Amino acid sequence: MKGGIGMKYPKPVMKLSELKEMGWPETDLLLIFKTRTDLKIAWRGGNGKPNSPILFDTEALEKLRRAQCTGE
């Protein structure tokens, strides 16, 4: 994932597919979805049905990205 000081996201909530188009690796996004349930970064839309898109809070995602880059 390329990253400078901060990434700009066009929407406050984005689908996994939209974030992939921005350059996020799918494996990273799925790992966040499966493991970071405490931070409410990602969830399944459509009442949690299995085929519903995975959605991400982009502000929370950016905070996590910055923390991973800087170790904060």
PDB file of N, CA and C in Angstrom:
ATOM      1  N   MET A   1       0.847  -1.176   0.000  1.00  0.00           N
ATOM      2  CA  MET A   1       0.000   0.000   0.000  1.00  0.00           C
ATOM      3  C   MET A   1       0.877   1.218   0.000  1.00  0.00           C
ATOM      4  N   LYS A   2       0.736   2.032  -0.974  1.00  0.00           N
ATOM      5  CA  LYS A   2       1.489   3.267  -1.026  1.00  0.00           C
ATOM      6  C   LYS A   2       0.848   4.254  -0.072  1.00  0.00           C
ATOM      7  N   GLY A   3       1.679   5.005   0.607  1.00  0.00           N
ATOM      8  CA  GLY A   3       1.102   5.982   1.524  1.00  0.00           C
ATOM      9  C   GLY A   3       2.055   7.122   1.774  1.00  0.00           C
ATOM     10  N   GLY A   4       1.518   8.288   1.760  1.00  0.00           N
ATOM     11  CA  GLY A   4       2.299   9.458   2.106  1.00  0.00           C
ATOM     12  C   GLY A   4       1.910   9.871   3.505  1.00  0.00           C
ATOM     13  N   ILE A   5       1.783  11.156   3.708  1.00  0.00           N
ATOM     14  CA  ILE A   5       1.400  11.660   5.019  1.00  0.00           C
ATOM     15  C   ILE A   5      -0.005  11.198   5.371  1.00  0.00           C
ATOM     16  N   GLY A   6      -0.923  11.283   4.449  1.00  0.00           N
ATOM     17  CA  GLY A   6      -2.287  10.857   4.709  1.00  0.00           C
ATOM     18  C   GLY A   6      -2.990  10.586   3.398  1.00  0.00           C
ATOM     19  N   MET A   7      -3.824   9.583   3.403  1.00  0.00           N
ATOM     20  CA  MET A   7      -4.585   9.271   2.196  1.00  0.00           C
ATOM     21  C   MET A   7      -5.885  10.056   2.222  1.00  0.00           C
ATOM     22  N   LYS A   8      -6.381  10.382   1.061  1.00  0.00           N
ATOM     23  CA  LYS A   8      -7.662  11.065   0.925  1.00  0.00           C
ATOM     24  C   LYS A   8      -8.685  10.062   0.423  1.00  0.00           C
ATOM     25  N   TYR A   9      -9.778   9.985   1.118  1.00  0.00           N
ATOM     26  CA  TYR A   9     -10.856   9.067   0.756  1.00  0.00           C
ATOM     27  C   TYR A   9     -12.050   9.890   0.283  1.00  0.00           C
ATOM     28  N   PRO A  10     -12.678   9.500  -0.826  1.00  0.00           N
ATOM     29  CA  PRO A  10     -13.795  10.282  -1.361  1.00  0.00           C
ATOM     30  C   PRO A  10     -15.079  10.183  -0.542  1.00  0.00           C
ATOM     31  N   LYS A  11     -15.207   9.139   0.291  1.00  0.00           N
ATOM     32  CA  LYS A  11     -16.439   8.943   1.060  1.00  0.00           C
ATOM     33  C   LYS A  11     -16.092   8.507   2.486  1.00  0.00           C
ATOM     34  N   PRO A  12     -16.961   8.786   3.447  1.00  0.00           N
ATOM     35  CA  PRO A  12     -16.700   8.364   4.829  1.00  0.00           C
ATOM     36  C   PRO A  12     -16.835   6.856   5.038  1.00  0.00           C
ATOM     37  N   VAL A  13     -17.630   6.192   4.210  1.00  0.00           N
ATOM     38  CA  VAL A  13     -17.777   4.737   4.250  1.00  0.00           C
ATOM     39  C   VAL A  13     -17.594   4.229   2.826  1.00  0.00           C
ATOM     40  N   MET A  14     -16.696   3.241   2.682  1.00  0.00           N
ATOM     41  CA  MET A  14     -16.412   2.715   1.345  1.00  0.00           C
ATOM     42  C   MET A  14     -16.422   1.198   1.361  1.00  0.00           C
ATOM     43  N   LYS A  15     -16.745   0.614   0.207  1.00  0.00           N
ATOM     44  CA  LYS A  15     -16.724  -0.834   0.037  1.00  0.00           C
ATOM     45  C   LYS A  15     -15.288  -1.315  -0.125  1.00  0.00           C
ATOM     46  N   LEU A  16     -15.083  -2.576   0.186  1.00  0.00           N
ATOM     47  CA  LEU A  16     -13.781  -3.204  -0.002  1.00  0.00           C
ATOM     48  C   LEU A  16     -13.316  -3.033  -1.448  1.00  0.00           C
ATOM     49  N   SER A  17     -14.200  -3.237  -2.409  1.00  0.00           N
ATOM     50  CA  SER A  17     -13.835  -3.125  -3.821  1.00  0.00           C
ATOM     51  C   SER A  17     -13.366  -1.712  -4.184  1.00  0.00           C
ATOM     52  N   GLU A  18     -13.974  -0.697  -3.582  1.00  0.00           N
ATOM     53  CA  GLU A  18     -13.574   0.684  -3.848  1.00  0.00           C
ATOM     54  C   GLU A  18     -12.176   0.966  -3.290  1.00  0.00           C
ATOM     55  N   LEU A  19     -11.904   0.411  -2.103  1.00  0.00           N
ATOM     56  CA  LEU A  19     -10.585   0.606  -1.498  1.00  0.00           C
ATOM     57  C   LEU A  19      -9.512  -0.137  -2.283  1.00  0.00           C
ATOM     58  N   LYS A  20      -9.851  -1.293  -2.841  1.00  0.00           N
ATOM     59  CA  LYS A  20      -8.905  -2.016  -3.699  1.00  0.00           C
ATOM     60  C   LYS A  20      -8.534  -1.165  -4.910  1.00  0.00           C
ATOM     61  N   GLU A  21      -9.508  -0.475  -5.473  1.00  0.00           N
ATOM     62  CA  GLU A  21      -9.248   0.396  -6.627  1.00  0.00           C
ATOM     63  C   GLU A  21      -8.307   1.539  -6.263  1.00  0.00           C
ATOM     64  N   MET A  22      -8.306   1.933  -4.985  1.00  0.00           N
ATOM     65  CA  MET A  22      -7.422   3.007  -4.518  1.00  0.00           C
ATOM     66  C   MET A  22      -6.010   2.500  -4.223  1.00  0.00           C
ATOM     67  N   GLY A  23      -5.821   1.177  -4.251  1.00  0.00           N
ATOM     68  CA  GLY A  23      -4.494   0.632  -4.028  1.00  0.00           C
ATOM     69  C   GLY A  23      -4.322  -0.215  -2.784  1.00  0.00           C
ATOM     70  N   TRP A  24      -5.366  -0.345  -1.983  1.00  0.00           N
ATOM     71  CA  TRP A  24      -5.275  -1.197  -0.800  1.00  0.00           C
ATOM     72  C   TRP A  24      -5.233  -2.650  -1.245  1.00  0.00           C
ATOM     73  N   PRO A  25      -4.317  -3.466  -0.718  1.00  0.00           N
ATOM     74  CA  PRO A  25      -4.323  -4.896  -1.038  1.00  0.00           C
ATOM     75  C   PRO A  25      -5.533  -5.589  -0.386  1.00  0.00           C
ATOM     76  N   GLU A  26      -6.186  -6.454  -1.136  1.00  0.00           N
ATOM     77  CA  GLU A  26      -7.362  -7.144  -0.622  1.00  0.00           C
ATOM     78  C   GLU A  26      -7.026  -7.952   0.630  1.00  0.00           C
ATOM     79  N   THR A  27      -5.855  -8.570   0.655  1.00  0.00           N
ATOM     80  CA  THR A  27      -5.472  -9.374   1.819  1.00  0.00           C
ATOM     81  C   THR A  27      -5.399  -8.521   3.081  1.00  0.00           C
ATOM     82  N   ASP A  28      -4.886  -7.299   2.978  1.00  0.00           N
ATOM     83  CA  ASP A  28      -4.817  -6.399   4.133  1.00  0.00           C
ATOM     84  C   ASP A  28      -6.216  -6.020   4.614  1.00  0.00           C
ATOM     85  N   LEU A  29      -7.098  -5.701   3.675  1.00  0.00           N
ATOM     86  CA  LEU A  29      -8.454  -5.306   4.036  1.00  0.00           C
ATOM     87  C   LEU A  29      -9.216  -6.453   4.700  1.00  0.00           C
ATOM     88  N   LEU A  30      -9.063  -7.665   4.164  1.00  0.00           N
ATOM     89  CA  LEU A  30      -9.745  -8.815   4.763  1.00  0.00           C
ATOM     90  C   LEU A  30      -9.193  -9.127   6.142  1.00  0.00           C
ATOM     91  N   LEU A  31      -7.902  -8.956   6.330  1.00  0.00           N
ATOM     92  CA  LEU A  31      -7.305  -9.179   7.649  1.00  0.00           C
ATOM     93  C   LEU A  31      -7.853  -8.183   8.661  1.00  0.00           C
ATOM     94  N   ILE A  32      -7.976  -6.934   8.274  1.00  0.00           N
ATOM     95  CA  ILE A  32      -8.552  -5.911   9.155  1.00  0.00           C
ATOM     96  C   ILE A  32      -9.999  -6.264   9.484  1.00  0.00           C
ATOM     97  N   PHE A  33     -10.759  -6.660   8.482  1.00  0.00           N
ATOM     98  CA  PHE A  33     -12.164  -7.027   8.682  1.00  0.00           C
ATOM     99  C   PHE A  33     -12.303  -8.187   9.670  1.00  0.00           C
ATOM    100  N   LYS A  34     -11.431  -9.183   9.542  1.00  0.00           N
ATOM    101  CA  LYS A  34     -11.548 -10.392  10.365  1.00  0.00           C
ATOM    102  C   LYS A  34     -10.968 -10.234  11.762  1.00  0.00           C
ATOM    103  N   THR A  35      -9.968  -9.365  11.928  1.00  0.00           N
ATOM    104  CA  THR A  35      -9.269  -9.321  13.208  1.00  0.00           C
ATOM    105  C   THR A  35      -9.500  -8.065  14.034  1.00  0.00           C
ATOM    106  N   ARG A  36      -9.846  -6.962  13.430  1.00  0.00           N
ATOM    107  CA  ARG A  36      -9.964  -5.702  14.168  1.00  0.00           C
ATOM    108  C   ARG A  36     -11.414  -5.369  14.485  1.00  0.00           C
ATOM    109  N   THR A  37     -12.156  -6.330  14.970  1.00  0.00           N
ATOM    110  CA  THR A  37     -13.571  -6.120  15.288  1.00  0.00           C
ATOM    111  C   THR A  37     -13.747  -5.179  16.473  1.00  0.00           C
ATOM    112  N   ASP A  38     -12.724  -5.031  17.304  1.00  0.00           N
ATOM    113  CA  ASP A  38     -12.808  -4.144  18.464  1.00  0.00           C
ATOM    114  C   ASP A  38     -12.853  -2.672  18.072  1.00  0.00           C
ATOM    115  N   LEU A  39     -12.334  -2.343  16.900  1.00  0.00           N
ATOM    116  CA  LEU A  39     -12.235  -0.940  16.490  1.00  0.00           C
ATOM    117  C   LEU A  39     -13.387  -0.471  15.602  1.00  0.00           C
ATOM    118  N   LYS A  40     -14.260  -1.356  15.215  1.00  0.00           N
ATOM    119  CA  LYS A  40     -15.410  -0.993  14.364  1.00  0.00           C
ATOM    120  C   LYS A  40     -14.961  -0.320  13.063  1.00  0.00           C
ATOM    121  N   ILE A  41     -13.896  -0.833  12.475  1.00  0.00           N
ATOM    122  CA  ILE A  41     -13.381  -0.291  11.216  1.00  0.00           C
ATOM    123  C   ILE A  41     -14.167  -0.861  10.042  1.00  0.00           C
ATOM    124  N   ALA A  42     -14.484  -2.149  10.105  1.00  0.00           N
ATOM    125  CA  ALA A  42     -15.132  -2.814   8.979  1.00  0.00           C
ATOM    126  C   ALA A  42     -16.284  -3.683   9.463  1.00  0.00           C
ATOM    127  N   TRP A  43     -17.286  -3.792   8.632  1.00  0.00           N
ATOM    128  CA  TRP A  43     -18.453  -4.616   8.937  1.00  0.00           C
ATOM    129  C   TRP A  43     -19.100  -5.027   7.629  1.00  0.00           C
ATOM    130  N   ARG A  44     -19.994  -5.972   7.715  1.00  0.00           N
ATOM    131  CA  ARG A  44     -20.704  -6.425   6.529  1.00  0.00           C
ATOM    132  C   ARG A  44     -22.020  -5.665   6.433  1.00  0.00           C
ATOM    133  N   GLY A  45     -22.264  -5.053   5.285  1.00  0.00           N
ATOM    134  CA  GLY A  45     -23.497  -4.309   5.057  1.00  0.00           C
ATOM    135  C   GLY A  45     -24.667  -5.261   4.829  1.00  0.00           C
ATOM    136  N   GLY A  46     -25.819  -4.725   4.547  1.00  0.00           N
ATOM    137  CA  GLY A  46     -26.992  -5.551   4.233  1.00  0.00           C
ATOM    138  C   GLY A  46     -27.421  -6.468   5.352  1.00  0.00           C
ATOM    139  N   ASN A  47     -27.447  -5.956   6.577  1.00  0.00           N
ATOM    140  CA  ASN A  47     -27.872  -6.730   7.745  1.00  0.00           C
ATOM    141  C   ASN A  47     -26.987  -7.938   8.014  1.00  0.00           C
ATOM    142  N   GLY A  48     -25.734  -7.887   7.563  1.00  0.00           N
ATOM    143  CA  GLY A  48     -24.774  -8.943   7.854  1.00  0.00           C
ATOM    144  C   GLY A  48     -24.927 -10.214   7.038  1.00  0.00           C
ATOM    145  N   LYS A  49     -25.704 -10.166   5.989  1.00  0.00           N
ATOM    146  CA  LYS A  49     -25.886 -11.357   5.152  1.00  0.00           C
ATOM    147  C   LYS A  49     -24.543 -11.722   4.502  1.00  0.00           C
ATOM    148  N   PRO A  50     -24.294 -13.016   4.300  1.00  0.00           N
ATOM    149  CA  PRO A  50     -22.988 -13.474   3.813  1.00  0.00           C
ATOM    150  C   PRO A  50     -22.519 -12.863   2.491  1.00  0.00           C
ATOM    151  N   ASN A  51     -23.420 -12.543   1.593  1.00  0.00           N
ATOM    152  CA  ASN A  51     -23.023 -11.987   0.300  1.00  0.00           C
ATOM    153  C   ASN A  51     -23.026 -10.457   0.275  1.00  0.00           C
ATOM    154  N   SER A  52     -23.264  -9.832   1.416  1.00  0.00           N
ATOM    155  CA  SER A  52     -23.298  -8.372   1.490  1.00  0.00           C
ATOM    156  C   SER A  52     -21.879  -7.823   1.377  1.00  0.00           C
ATOM    157  N   PRO A  53     -21.738  -6.613   0.849  1.00  0.00           N
ATOM    158  CA  PRO A  53     -20.396  -6.036   0.724  1.00  0.00           C
ATOM    159  C   PRO A  53     -19.792  -5.719   2.087  1.00  0.00           C
ATOM    160  N   ILE A  54     -18.467  -5.807   2.159  1.00  0.00           N
ATOM    161  CA  ILE A  54     -17.751  -5.416   3.369  1.00  0.00           C
ATOM    162  C   ILE A  54     -17.520  -3.913   3.270  1.00  0.00           C
ATOM    163  N   LEU A  55     -17.926  -3.193   4.311  1.00  0.00           N
ATOM    164  CA  LEU A  55     -17.823  -1.736   4.339  1.00  0.00           C
ATOM    165  C   LEU A  55     -16.754  -1.317   5.350  1.00  0.00           C
ATOM    166  N   PHE A  56     -16.117  -0.175   5.077  1.00  0.00           N
ATOM    167  CA  PHE A  56     -15.062   0.333   5.948  1.00  0.00           C
ATOM    168  C   PHE A  56     -15.324   1.784   6.310  1.00  0.00           C
ATOM    169  N   ASP A  57     -15.125   2.108   7.579  1.00  0.00           N
ATOM    170  CA  ASP A  57     -15.119   3.496   8.042  1.00  0.00           C
ATOM    171  C   ASP A  57     -13.751   4.041   7.651  1.00  0.00           C
ATOM    172  N   THR A  58     -13.711   4.941   6.688  1.00  0.00           N
ATOM    173  CA  THR A  58     -12.422   5.377   6.146  1.00  0.00           C
ATOM    174  C   THR A  58     -11.604   6.194   7.139  1.00  0.00           C
ATOM    175  N   GLU A  59     -12.248   6.925   8.037  1.00  0.00           N
ATOM    176  CA  GLU A  59     -11.506   7.683   9.047  1.00  0.00           C
ATOM    177  C   GLU A  59     -10.788   6.724  10.002  1.00  0.00           C
ATOM    178  N   ALA A  60     -11.510   5.696  10.453  1.00  0.00           N
ATOM    179  CA  ALA A  60     -10.913   4.704  11.345  1.00  0.00           C
ATOM    180  C   ALA A  60      -9.839   3.897  10.619  1.00  0.00           C
ATOM    181  N   LEU A  61     -10.065   3.602   9.356  1.00  0.00           N
ATOM    182  CA  LEU A  61      -9.085   2.865   8.564  1.00  0.00           C
ATOM    183  C   LEU A  61      -7.799   3.669   8.410  1.00  0.00           C
ATOM    184  N   GLU A  62      -7.928   4.953   8.171  1.00  0.00           N
ATOM    185  CA  GLU A  62      -6.750   5.814   8.032  1.00  0.00           C
ATOM    186  C   GLU A  62      -5.991   5.919   9.353  1.00  0.00           C
ATOM    187  N   LYS A  63      -6.706   5.997  10.461  1.00  0.00           N
ATOM    188  CA  LYS A  63      -6.035   6.025  11.772  1.00  0.00           C
ATOM    189  C   LYS A  63      -5.227   4.751  11.988  1.00  0.00           C
ATOM    190  N   LEU A  64      -5.807   3.614  11.634  1.00  0.00           N
ATOM    191  CA  LEU A  64      -5.103   2.341  11.766  1.00  0.00           C
ATOM    192  C   LEU A  64      -3.884   2.314  10.843  1.00  0.00           C
ATOM    193  N   ARG A  65      -4.041   2.767   9.616  1.00  0.00           N
ATOM    194  CA  ARG A  65      -2.932   2.780   8.655  1.00  0.00           C
ATOM    195  C   ARG A  65      -1.780   3.629   9.181  1.00  0.00           C
ATOM    196  N   ARG A  66      -2.100   4.801   9.692  1.00  0.00           N
ATOM    197  CA  ARG A  66      -1.050   5.678  10.230  1.00  0.00           C
ATOM    198  C   ARG A  66      -0.365   5.053  11.449  1.00  0.00           C
ATOM    199  N   ALA A  67      -1.146   4.420  12.314  1.00  0.00           N
ATOM    200  CA  ALA A  67      -0.568   3.773  13.493  1.00  0.00           C
ATOM    201  C   ALA A  67       0.365   2.634  13.085  1.00  0.00           C
ATOM    202  N   GLN A  68      -0.013   1.889  12.066  1.00  0.00           N
ATOM    203  CA  GLN A  68       0.837   0.792  11.601  1.00  0.00           C
ATOM    204  C   GLN A  68       2.124   1.313  10.971  1.00  0.00           C
ATOM    205  N   CYS A  69       2.044   2.459  10.304  1.00  0.00           N
ATOM    206  CA  CYS A  69       3.217   3.031   9.652  1.00  0.00           C
ATOM    207  C   CYS A  69       4.191   3.654  10.659  1.00  0.00           C
ATOM    208  N   THR A  70       3.643   4.247  11.707  1.00  0.00           N
ATOM    209  CA  THR A  70       4.495   4.975  12.655  1.00  0.00           C
ATOM    210  C   THR A  70       4.719   4.211  13.951  1.00  0.00           C
ATOM    211  N   GLY A  71       3.952   3.160  14.172  1.00  0.00           N
ATOM    212  CA  GLY A  71       4.084   2.390  15.404  1.00  0.00           C
ATOM    213  C   GLY A  71       3.386   3.026  16.599  1.00  0.00           C
ATOM    214  N   GLU A  72       2.524   4.010  16.354  1.00  0.00           N
ATOM    215  CA  GLU A  72       1.814   4.681  17.445  1.00  0.00           C
ATOM    216  C   GLU A  72       0.616   3.882  17.900  1.00  0.00           C
TER     217      GLU A  72
END
